[in-house]
Amino acid sequence: MGKISVVTGGIPSYIPNFFPQFQAMLRDVLGLEVEMDLDSTGYTKLAQGMVEKRILLSLGFDNGCSDPDDYTYPYFHTNGVRNSFNLSDPDLDRLLDAQREEFDFETRHQLVYEIQDYLLDKTVAMPVWISTINSEIYWSYIKNMWRAPWYGENFNRASMWIDQTDPNFQGKQA
């Protein structure tokens, strides 16, 4: 197999800087040999290639999502607005529609797992890799604080609290 060209967003700079690791992972795990096609404009080449449905593999920045539907329906449903790989699968569409209509948590949870398994077994489109990019330190009195590797996770702040009995909090005001 020859090399596959991976269009890589050039902004922020850590995206192209990460490419050697990404390249090694694809080689070691999937046996793919890839070369970087750097989009130095940021995302112009990448966006145009997706609109024209000619991008085979890309590495770029994504702000992430807070619900599994955000990463499944738009990309994998036949009529999904981000389905740039021309995927059309009526069985997958039925699963995607069903999880959107389900209000019971456990039932929907199982549907999402079924969608995940289906995608892993029957498609080659869009493997999504997520990694934390934030290394942060918090005072010991800040409890229930965690960061997700994407933006849009401010709802997590509702679960945070300050332990006023913590020795590091002494002398501070809540």
N, C-alpha and C. Protein backbone atom coordinates (compact mmCIF):
# COMPACT_ATOMS: atom_id res chain seq x y z
N MET A 1 0.84 -1.18 0.00
CA MET A 1 0.00 0.00 0.00
C MET A 1 0.88 1.24 0.00
N GLY A 2 0.52 2.23 -0.80
CA GLY A 2 1.26 3.48 -0.83
C GLY A 2 0.89 4.36 0.36
N LYS A 3 1.45 5.53 0.37
CA LYS A 3 1.15 6.46 1.46
C LYS A 3 -0.19 7.14 1.22
N ILE A 4 -0.88 7.39 2.32
CA ILE A 4 -2.13 8.14 2.30
C ILE A 4 -1.82 9.56 2.73
N SER A 5 -2.34 10.52 2.01
CA SER A 5 -2.14 11.92 2.37
C SER A 5 -3.18 12.33 3.41
N VAL A 6 -2.71 12.93 4.50
CA VAL A 6 -3.59 13.40 5.56
C VAL A 6 -3.54 14.92 5.55
N VAL A 7 -4.68 15.55 5.25
CA VAL A 7 -4.74 17.00 5.28
C VAL A 7 -4.77 17.42 6.74
N THR A 8 -3.85 18.29 7.11
CA THR A 8 -3.67 18.69 8.50
C THR A 8 -3.88 20.18 8.65
N GLY A 9 -4.79 20.55 9.56
CA GLY A 9 -4.99 21.97 9.84
C GLY A 9 -3.72 22.57 10.42
N GLY A 10 -3.38 23.77 9.99
CA GLY A 10 -2.14 24.40 10.43
C GLY A 10 -2.28 25.27 11.66
N ILE A 11 -3.48 25.46 12.14
CA ILE A 11 -3.72 26.34 13.29
C ILE A 11 -4.63 25.59 14.25
N PRO A 12 -4.33 25.58 15.52
CA PRO A 12 -3.14 26.06 16.21
C PRO A 12 -1.93 25.19 15.91
N SER A 13 -0.76 25.70 16.22
CA SER A 13 0.48 25.06 15.80
C SER A 13 0.68 23.66 16.40
N TYR A 14 0.03 23.37 17.52
CA TYR A 14 0.24 22.04 18.09
C TYR A 14 -0.38 20.94 17.21
N ILE A 15 -1.29 21.29 16.29
CA ILE A 15 -1.87 20.27 15.41
C ILE A 15 -0.78 19.71 14.48
N PRO A 16 -0.11 20.55 13.67
CA PRO A 16 0.94 19.97 12.83
C PRO A 16 2.12 19.45 13.66
N ASN A 17 2.37 20.05 14.83
CA ASN A 17 3.46 19.56 15.67
C ASN A 17 3.17 18.16 16.21
N PHE A 18 1.89 17.82 16.35
CA PHE A 18 1.51 16.51 16.85
C PHE A 18 1.56 15.45 15.74
N PHE A 19 1.65 15.87 14.49
CA PHE A 19 1.54 14.93 13.38
C PHE A 19 2.48 13.73 13.47
N PRO A 20 3.76 13.89 13.84
CA PRO A 20 4.62 12.70 13.93
C PRO A 20 4.08 11.62 14.87
N GLN A 21 3.48 12.02 15.99
CA GLN A 21 2.88 11.03 16.90
C GLN A 21 1.66 10.38 16.25
N PHE A 22 0.83 11.18 15.62
CA PHE A 22 -0.35 10.69 14.91
C PHE A 22 0.06 9.70 13.83
N GLN A 23 1.08 10.07 13.09
CA GLN A 23 1.63 9.22 12.02
C GLN A 23 2.11 7.88 12.58
N ALA A 24 2.82 7.92 13.70
CA ALA A 24 3.32 6.69 14.32
C ALA A 24 2.18 5.81 14.83
N MET A 25 1.14 6.43 15.42
CA MET A 25 0.00 5.65 15.90
C MET A 25 -0.71 4.95 14.75
N LEU A 26 -0.93 5.66 13.64
CA LEU A 26 -1.60 5.04 12.49
C LEU A 26 -0.77 3.90 11.91
N ARG A 27 0.54 4.10 11.88
CA ARG A 27 1.43 3.04 11.38
C ARG A 27 1.42 1.83 12.32
N ASP A 28 1.60 2.09 13.62
CA ASP A 28 1.72 1.00 14.58
C ASP A 28 0.42 0.25 14.82
N VAL A 29 -0.70 0.96 14.85
CA VAL A 29 -1.98 0.34 15.18
C VAL A 29 -2.72 -0.17 13.95
N LEU A 30 -2.72 0.61 12.88
CA LEU A 30 -3.49 0.24 11.70
C LEU A 30 -2.64 -0.18 10.50
N GLY A 31 -1.33 -0.02 10.62
CA GLY A 31 -0.46 -0.36 9.50
C GLY A 31 -0.53 0.62 8.35
N LEU A 32 -1.02 1.84 8.60
CA LEU A 32 -1.14 2.86 7.56
C LEU A 32 0.12 3.71 7.49
N GLU A 33 0.57 3.96 6.28
CA GLU A 33 1.67 4.90 6.08
C GLU A 33 1.03 6.20 5.59
N VAL A 34 1.26 7.26 6.33
CA VAL A 34 0.62 8.54 5.99
C VAL A 34 1.67 9.64 5.88
N GLU A 35 1.36 10.62 5.05
CA GLU A 35 2.19 11.81 4.95
C GLU A 35 1.31 13.03 5.17
N MET A 36 1.90 14.08 5.69
CA MET A 36 1.15 15.28 6.02
C MET A 36 1.01 16.19 4.80
N ASP A 37 -0.23 16.63 4.56
CA ASP A 37 -0.54 17.66 3.58
C ASP A 37 -1.00 18.87 4.40
N LEU A 38 -0.06 19.74 4.76
CA LEU A 38 -0.33 20.84 5.67
C LEU A 38 -1.18 21.93 5.03
N ASP A 39 -2.26 22.25 5.68
CA ASP A 39 -3.11 23.37 5.26
C ASP A 39 -2.62 24.60 6.00
N SER A 40 -1.66 25.30 5.42
CA SER A 40 -1.03 26.43 6.11
C SER A 40 -1.99 27.61 6.29
N THR A 41 -3.11 27.60 5.57
CA THR A 41 -4.09 28.68 5.74
C THR A 41 -4.91 28.48 7.00
N GLY A 42 -4.76 27.35 7.64
CA GLY A 42 -5.57 27.03 8.81
C GLY A 42 -6.49 25.88 8.48
N TYR A 43 -7.63 26.20 7.89
CA TYR A 43 -8.60 25.16 7.56
C TYR A 43 -9.27 25.37 6.21
N THR A 44 -8.76 26.27 5.39
CA THR A 44 -9.38 26.55 4.10
C THR A 44 -9.34 25.34 3.19
N LYS A 45 -8.16 24.75 3.00
CA LYS A 45 -8.00 23.58 2.15
C LYS A 45 -8.81 22.40 2.70
N LEU A 46 -8.77 22.24 4.00
CA LEU A 46 -9.48 21.15 4.65
C LEU A 46 -11.00 21.31 4.47
N ALA A 47 -11.51 22.49 4.73
CA ALA A 47 -12.95 22.73 4.58
C ALA A 47 -13.40 22.55 3.14
N GLN A 48 -12.65 23.09 2.20
CA GLN A 48 -13.01 22.96 0.78
C GLN A 48 -12.99 21.50 0.34
N GLY A 49 -11.99 20.77 0.79
CA GLY A 49 -11.90 19.35 0.44
C GLY A 49 -13.05 18.54 1.00
N MET A 50 -13.53 18.92 2.19
CA MET A 50 -14.67 18.22 2.76
C MET A 50 -15.96 18.56 2.03
N VAL A 51 -16.10 19.82 1.63
CA VAL A 51 -17.27 20.22 0.86
C VAL A 51 -17.30 19.46 -0.47
N GLU A 52 -16.14 19.30 -1.07
CA GLU A 52 -16.03 18.59 -2.35
C GLU A 52 -15.99 17.07 -2.17
N LYS A 53 -16.01 16.60 -0.93
CA LYS A 53 -16.03 15.17 -0.59
C LYS A 53 -14.83 14.42 -1.17
N ARG A 54 -13.64 15.02 -1.01
CA ARG A 54 -12.43 14.39 -1.54
C ARG A 54 -11.32 14.21 -0.51
N ILE A 55 -11.63 14.47 0.76
CA ILE A 55 -10.65 14.29 1.82
C ILE A 55 -10.80 12.87 2.37
N LEU A 56 -9.75 12.08 2.27
CA LEU A 56 -9.78 10.71 2.78
C LEU A 56 -9.53 10.67 4.28
N LEU A 57 -8.55 11.44 4.75
CA LEU A 57 -8.19 11.44 6.16
C LEU A 57 -7.67 12.82 6.53
N SER A 58 -8.08 13.30 7.71
CA SER A 58 -7.63 14.63 8.13
C SER A 58 -7.31 14.63 9.61
N LEU A 59 -6.51 15.59 10.00
CA LEU A 59 -6.18 15.83 11.40
C LEU A 59 -6.39 17.31 11.63
N GLY A 60 -7.27 17.64 12.55
CA GLY A 60 -7.55 19.05 12.78
C GLY A 60 -8.08 19.27 14.18
N PHE A 61 -8.40 20.49 14.47
CA PHE A 61 -8.90 20.90 15.77
C PHE A 61 -10.42 20.83 15.76
N ASP A 62 -10.98 20.30 16.83
CA ASP A 62 -12.43 20.23 16.96
C ASP A 62 -12.76 20.63 18.38
N ASN A 63 -13.80 21.41 18.54
CA ASN A 63 -14.18 21.87 19.86
C ASN A 63 -14.90 20.81 20.68
N GLY A 64 -15.20 19.69 20.09
CA GLY A 64 -15.82 18.61 20.84
C GLY A 64 -17.31 18.78 21.01
N CYS A 65 -17.89 17.86 21.69
CA CYS A 65 -19.34 17.81 21.84
C CYS A 65 -19.69 17.29 23.22
N SER A 66 -20.90 17.56 23.63
CA SER A 66 -21.33 17.10 24.95
C SER A 66 -22.34 15.96 24.87
N ASP A 67 -22.67 15.50 23.68
CA ASP A 67 -23.64 14.42 23.54
C ASP A 67 -23.18 13.51 22.40
N PRO A 68 -23.33 12.21 22.54
CA PRO A 68 -22.89 11.30 21.46
C PRO A 68 -23.53 11.61 20.10
N ASP A 69 -24.75 12.13 20.13
CA ASP A 69 -25.42 12.48 18.87
C ASP A 69 -24.63 13.53 18.09
N ASP A 70 -23.94 14.43 18.81
CA ASP A 70 -23.17 15.48 18.15
C ASP A 70 -22.08 14.93 17.25
N TYR A 71 -21.53 13.76 17.61
CA TYR A 71 -20.46 13.16 16.83
C TYR A 71 -20.95 12.05 15.90
N THR A 72 -22.20 11.66 16.03
CA THR A 72 -22.67 10.55 15.19
C THR A 72 -23.62 11.01 14.10
N TYR A 73 -24.72 11.61 14.47
CA TYR A 73 -25.75 11.95 13.48
C TYR A 73 -25.23 12.84 12.35
N PRO A 74 -24.59 13.98 12.65
CA PRO A 74 -24.16 14.86 11.56
C PRO A 74 -23.17 14.20 10.60
N TYR A 75 -22.34 13.30 11.11
CA TYR A 75 -21.29 12.70 10.29
C TYR A 75 -21.72 11.42 9.59
N PHE A 76 -22.58 10.63 10.21
CA PHE A 76 -22.84 9.29 9.70
C PHE A 76 -24.25 9.07 9.17
N HIS A 77 -25.20 9.95 9.46
CA HIS A 77 -26.54 9.80 8.89
C HIS A 77 -26.48 10.19 7.41
N THR A 78 -27.27 9.49 6.60
CA THR A 78 -27.28 9.79 5.16
C THR A 78 -27.47 11.27 4.90
N ASN A 79 -28.34 11.92 5.66
CA ASN A 79 -28.62 13.35 5.46
C ASN A 79 -27.87 14.24 6.43
N GLY A 80 -26.87 13.70 7.11
CA GLY A 80 -26.10 14.49 8.08
C GLY A 80 -25.37 15.63 7.41
N VAL A 81 -25.37 16.79 8.04
CA VAL A 81 -24.77 17.98 7.45
C VAL A 81 -23.26 17.90 7.33
N ARG A 82 -22.61 16.99 8.07
CA ARG A 82 -21.16 16.85 8.00
C ARG A 82 -20.74 15.52 7.36
N ASN A 83 -21.66 14.86 6.72
CA ASN A 83 -21.37 13.58 6.07
C ASN A 83 -20.65 13.87 4.75
N SER A 84 -19.36 14.14 4.86
CA SER A 84 -18.58 14.49 3.68
C SER A 84 -18.02 13.27 2.97
N PHE A 85 -18.24 12.07 3.52
CA PHE A 85 -17.69 10.87 2.90
C PHE A 85 -18.74 10.07 2.15
N ASN A 86 -19.90 10.68 1.88
CA ASN A 86 -20.96 10.05 1.08
C ASN A 86 -21.46 8.75 1.68
N LEU A 87 -21.42 8.61 2.98
CA LEU A 87 -21.90 7.40 3.63
C LEU A 87 -23.42 7.39 3.61
N SER A 88 -24.00 6.29 3.16
CA SER A 88 -25.45 6.12 3.16
C SER A 88 -25.75 4.68 3.55
N ASP A 89 -26.27 4.51 4.76
CA ASP A 89 -26.52 3.18 5.29
C ASP A 89 -27.87 3.21 6.00
N PRO A 90 -28.92 2.64 5.41
CA PRO A 90 -30.26 2.69 6.02
C PRO A 90 -30.33 2.08 7.41
N ASP A 91 -29.56 1.01 7.67
CA ASP A 91 -29.56 0.40 9.01
C ASP A 91 -28.96 1.36 10.03
N LEU A 92 -27.87 2.01 9.67
CA LEU A 92 -27.25 2.98 10.56
C LEU A 92 -28.18 4.18 10.75
N ASP A 93 -28.82 4.63 9.69
CA ASP A 93 -29.77 5.75 9.80
C ASP A 93 -30.86 5.42 10.82
N ARG A 94 -31.38 4.19 10.78
CA ARG A 94 -32.43 3.79 11.72
C ARG A 94 -31.92 3.86 13.17
N LEU A 95 -30.71 3.39 13.40
CA LEU A 95 -30.13 3.47 14.75
C LEU A 95 -29.93 4.92 15.20
N LEU A 96 -29.42 5.74 14.29
CA LEU A 96 -29.19 7.15 14.62
C LEU A 96 -30.50 7.88 14.91
N ASP A 97 -31.53 7.59 14.13
CA ASP A 97 -32.84 8.20 14.38
C ASP A 97 -33.41 7.71 15.71
N ALA A 98 -33.26 6.41 15.99
CA ALA A 98 -33.82 5.84 17.22
C ALA A 98 -33.19 6.45 18.46
N GLN A 99 -31.86 6.66 18.45
CA GLN A 99 -31.23 7.24 19.65
C GLN A 99 -31.64 8.69 19.84
N ARG A 100 -31.99 9.38 18.76
CA ARG A 100 -32.46 10.76 18.88
C ARG A 100 -33.86 10.83 19.48
N GLU A 101 -34.63 9.78 19.29
CA GLU A 101 -36.02 9.78 19.75
C GLU A 101 -36.19 9.13 21.12
N GLU A 102 -35.14 8.54 21.66
CA GLU A 102 -35.24 7.79 22.92
C GLU A 102 -34.99 8.69 24.13
N PHE A 103 -35.89 8.66 25.10
CA PHE A 103 -35.75 9.47 26.30
C PHE A 103 -35.31 8.67 27.51
N ASP A 104 -35.44 7.35 27.48
CA ASP A 104 -34.99 6.54 28.59
C ASP A 104 -33.46 6.43 28.52
N PHE A 105 -32.79 6.84 29.62
CA PHE A 105 -31.34 6.92 29.61
C PHE A 105 -30.69 5.59 29.26
N GLU A 106 -31.06 4.52 29.97
CA GLU A 106 -30.42 3.22 29.74
C GLU A 106 -30.66 2.70 28.33
N THR A 107 -31.88 2.86 27.84
CA THR A 107 -32.19 2.40 26.48
C THR A 107 -31.36 3.17 25.46
N ARG A 108 -31.27 4.50 25.65
CA ARG A 108 -30.47 5.31 24.73
C ARG A 108 -28.99 4.96 24.84
N HIS A 109 -28.55 4.73 26.06
CA HIS A 109 -27.16 4.35 26.30
C HIS A 109 -26.82 3.08 25.48
N GLN A 110 -27.69 2.11 25.51
CA GLN A 110 -27.47 0.87 24.75
C GLN A 110 -27.49 1.13 23.24
N LEU A 111 -28.39 2.01 22.80
CA LEU A 111 -28.43 2.36 21.37
C LEU A 111 -27.13 3.02 20.94
N VAL A 112 -26.58 3.89 21.77
CA VAL A 112 -25.32 4.57 21.43
C VAL A 112 -24.19 3.54 21.34
N TYR A 113 -24.16 2.58 22.27
CA TYR A 113 -23.17 1.51 22.17
C TYR A 113 -23.36 0.70 20.88
N GLU A 114 -24.60 0.44 20.53
CA GLU A 114 -24.88 -0.30 19.30
C GLU A 114 -24.39 0.48 18.08
N ILE A 115 -24.60 1.79 18.09
CA ILE A 115 -24.12 2.65 16.99
C ILE A 115 -22.59 2.59 16.94
N GLN A 116 -21.96 2.71 18.10
CA GLN A 116 -20.50 2.65 18.15
C GLN A 116 -19.98 1.33 17.59
N ASP A 117 -20.56 0.23 18.02
CA ASP A 117 -20.14 -1.08 17.52
C ASP A 117 -20.38 -1.21 16.03
N TYR A 118 -21.52 -0.70 15.58
CA TYR A 118 -21.86 -0.75 14.16
C TYR A 118 -20.81 0.01 13.33
N LEU A 119 -20.47 1.21 13.81
CA LEU A 119 -19.48 2.02 13.11
C LEU A 119 -18.12 1.32 13.07
N LEU A 120 -17.73 0.73 14.19
CA LEU A 120 -16.45 0.04 14.23
C LEU A 120 -16.43 -1.18 13.32
N ASP A 121 -17.55 -1.88 13.23
CA ASP A 121 -17.61 -3.10 12.42
C ASP A 121 -17.84 -2.86 10.94
N LYS A 122 -18.58 -1.80 10.59
CA LYS A 122 -19.06 -1.70 9.21
C LYS A 122 -18.66 -0.46 8.45
N THR A 123 -17.95 0.46 9.06
CA THR A 123 -17.55 1.66 8.32
C THR A 123 -16.05 1.88 8.46
N VAL A 124 -15.52 2.67 7.57
CA VAL A 124 -14.12 3.08 7.66
C VAL A 124 -14.04 4.60 7.77
N ALA A 125 -15.18 5.22 7.97
CA ALA A 125 -15.23 6.68 7.99
C ALA A 125 -15.02 7.22 9.40
N MET A 126 -14.21 8.21 9.51
CA MET A 126 -14.03 9.06 10.67
C MET A 126 -13.72 8.39 11.99
N PRO A 127 -12.54 7.85 12.15
CA PRO A 127 -12.15 7.49 13.51
C PRO A 127 -11.84 8.78 14.27
N VAL A 128 -12.46 8.98 15.41
CA VAL A 128 -12.28 10.20 16.17
C VAL A 128 -11.34 9.91 17.34
N TRP A 129 -10.29 10.69 17.43
CA TRP A 129 -9.33 10.54 18.50
C TRP A 129 -9.40 11.81 19.34
N ILE A 130 -9.56 11.64 20.63
CA ILE A 130 -9.66 12.79 21.52
C ILE A 130 -8.58 12.66 22.58
N SER A 131 -7.93 13.77 22.85
CA SER A 131 -6.89 13.77 23.87
C SER A 131 -6.96 15.07 24.65
N THR A 132 -6.65 14.98 25.92
CA THR A 132 -6.61 16.22 26.70
C THR A 132 -5.42 17.06 26.26
N ILE A 133 -5.61 18.34 26.24
CA ILE A 133 -4.53 19.25 25.87
C ILE A 133 -4.23 20.20 27.01
N ASN A 134 -4.95 20.06 28.11
CA ASN A 134 -4.77 20.95 29.24
C ASN A 134 -4.07 20.23 30.37
N SER A 135 -2.99 20.78 30.84
CA SER A 135 -2.35 20.31 32.07
C SER A 135 -2.55 21.41 33.08
N GLU A 136 -3.34 21.13 34.09
CA GLU A 136 -3.68 22.19 35.04
C GLU A 136 -3.52 21.68 36.46
N ILE A 137 -3.29 22.61 37.36
CA ILE A 137 -3.19 22.30 38.77
C ILE A 137 -4.25 23.12 39.48
N TYR A 138 -4.96 22.48 40.41
CA TYR A 138 -6.00 23.16 41.17
C TYR A 138 -5.67 23.04 42.65
N TRP A 139 -6.10 24.03 43.40
CA TRP A 139 -5.95 23.98 44.85
C TRP A 139 -6.70 22.76 45.37
N SER A 140 -6.19 22.18 46.45
CA SER A 140 -6.78 20.97 47.02
C SER A 140 -8.20 21.21 47.54
N TYR A 141 -8.57 22.46 47.82
CA TYR A 141 -9.91 22.72 48.33
C TYR A 141 -10.98 22.81 47.23
N ILE A 142 -10.57 22.79 45.98
CA ILE A 142 -11.54 22.77 44.88
C ILE A 142 -11.90 21.31 44.64
N LYS A 143 -13.15 20.98 44.84
CA LYS A 143 -13.61 19.59 44.76
C LYS A 143 -14.50 19.39 43.53
N ASN A 144 -14.44 18.18 43.03
CA ASN A 144 -15.25 17.74 41.90
C ASN A 144 -14.95 18.55 40.63
N MET A 145 -13.69 18.89 40.47
CA MET A 145 -13.27 19.66 39.29
C MET A 145 -12.58 18.71 38.33
N TRP A 146 -13.02 18.72 37.11
CA TRP A 146 -12.34 17.97 36.05
C TRP A 146 -12.52 18.71 34.75
N ARG A 147 -11.58 18.50 33.86
CA ARG A 147 -11.60 19.16 32.55
C ARG A 147 -11.80 18.11 31.48
N ALA A 148 -12.62 18.45 30.54
CA ALA A 148 -12.79 17.61 29.37
C ALA A 148 -11.83 18.12 28.29
N PRO A 149 -11.46 17.29 27.34
CA PRO A 149 -10.50 17.71 26.32
C PRO A 149 -11.15 18.51 25.19
N TRP A 150 -12.17 19.29 25.49
CA TRP A 150 -12.82 20.10 24.48
C TRP A 150 -13.46 21.31 25.14
N TYR A 151 -13.88 22.24 24.33
CA TYR A 151 -14.59 23.40 24.84
C TYR A 151 -16.05 23.03 25.04
N GLY A 152 -16.80 23.91 25.65
CA GLY A 152 -18.22 23.67 25.80
C GLY A 152 -18.54 22.74 26.95
N GLU A 153 -17.66 22.67 27.94
CA GLU A 153 -17.93 21.78 29.06
C GLU A 153 -18.12 22.58 30.35
N ASN A 154 -18.54 23.82 30.22
CA ASN A 154 -18.74 24.66 31.40
C ASN A 154 -19.84 24.16 32.31
N PHE A 155 -20.74 23.32 31.80
CA PHE A 155 -21.79 22.77 32.64
C PHE A 155 -21.20 21.97 33.79
N ASN A 156 -19.95 21.52 33.64
CA ASN A 156 -19.29 20.77 34.72
C ASN A 156 -19.08 21.64 35.96
N ARG A 157 -19.02 22.94 35.79
CA ARG A 157 -18.77 23.83 36.93
C ARG A 157 -19.91 23.77 37.95
N ALA A 158 -21.09 23.37 37.52
CA ALA A 158 -22.22 23.29 38.44
C ALA A 158 -21.99 22.26 39.53
N SER A 159 -21.11 21.31 39.30
CA SER A 159 -20.84 20.26 40.28
C SER A 159 -19.63 20.57 41.16
N MET A 160 -18.95 21.68 40.90
CA MET A 160 -17.78 22.04 41.71
C MET A 160 -18.21 22.60 43.06
N TRP A 161 -17.32 22.44 44.04
CA TRP A 161 -17.57 23.05 45.34
C TRP A 161 -16.24 23.30 46.04
N ILE A 162 -16.28 24.17 47.04
CA ILE A 162 -15.08 24.53 47.79
C ILE A 162 -15.18 23.92 49.18
N ASP A 163 -14.18 23.15 49.54
CA ASP A 163 -14.11 22.55 50.86
C ASP A 163 -13.44 23.55 51.80
N GLN A 164 -14.26 24.25 52.55
CA GLN A 164 -13.75 25.30 53.43
C GLN A 164 -13.00 24.75 54.63
N THR A 165 -13.07 23.42 54.85
CA THR A 165 -12.31 22.82 55.95
C THR A 165 -10.90 22.41 55.52
N ASP A 166 -10.60 22.48 54.24
CA ASP A 166 -9.28 22.10 53.74
C ASP A 166 -8.24 23.09 54.29
N PRO A 167 -7.10 22.59 54.78
CA PRO A 167 -6.07 23.47 55.34
C PRO A 167 -5.59 24.55 54.37
N ASN A 168 -5.58 24.27 53.06
CA ASN A 168 -5.13 25.27 52.09
C ASN A 168 -6.14 26.40 51.91
N PHE A 169 -7.36 26.20 52.38
CA PHE A 169 -8.39 27.24 52.25
C PHE A 169 -8.33 28.22 53.40
N GLN A 170 -7.68 27.87 54.49
CA GLN A 170 -7.67 28.70 55.69
C GLN A 170 -7.22 30.13 55.34
N GLY A 171 -8.01 31.10 55.79
CA GLY A 171 -7.70 32.50 55.58
C GLY A 171 -8.26 33.08 54.28
N LYS A 172 -8.87 32.24 53.49
CA LYS A 172 -9.49 32.72 52.23
C LYS A 172 -10.98 32.90 52.44
N GLN A 173 -11.60 33.67 51.58
CA GLN A 173 -13.06 33.89 51.67
C GLN A 173 -13.73 33.11 50.55
N ALA A 174 -14.87 32.56 50.87
CA ALA A 174 -15.65 31.81 49.86
C ALA A 174 -16.43 32.76 49.00
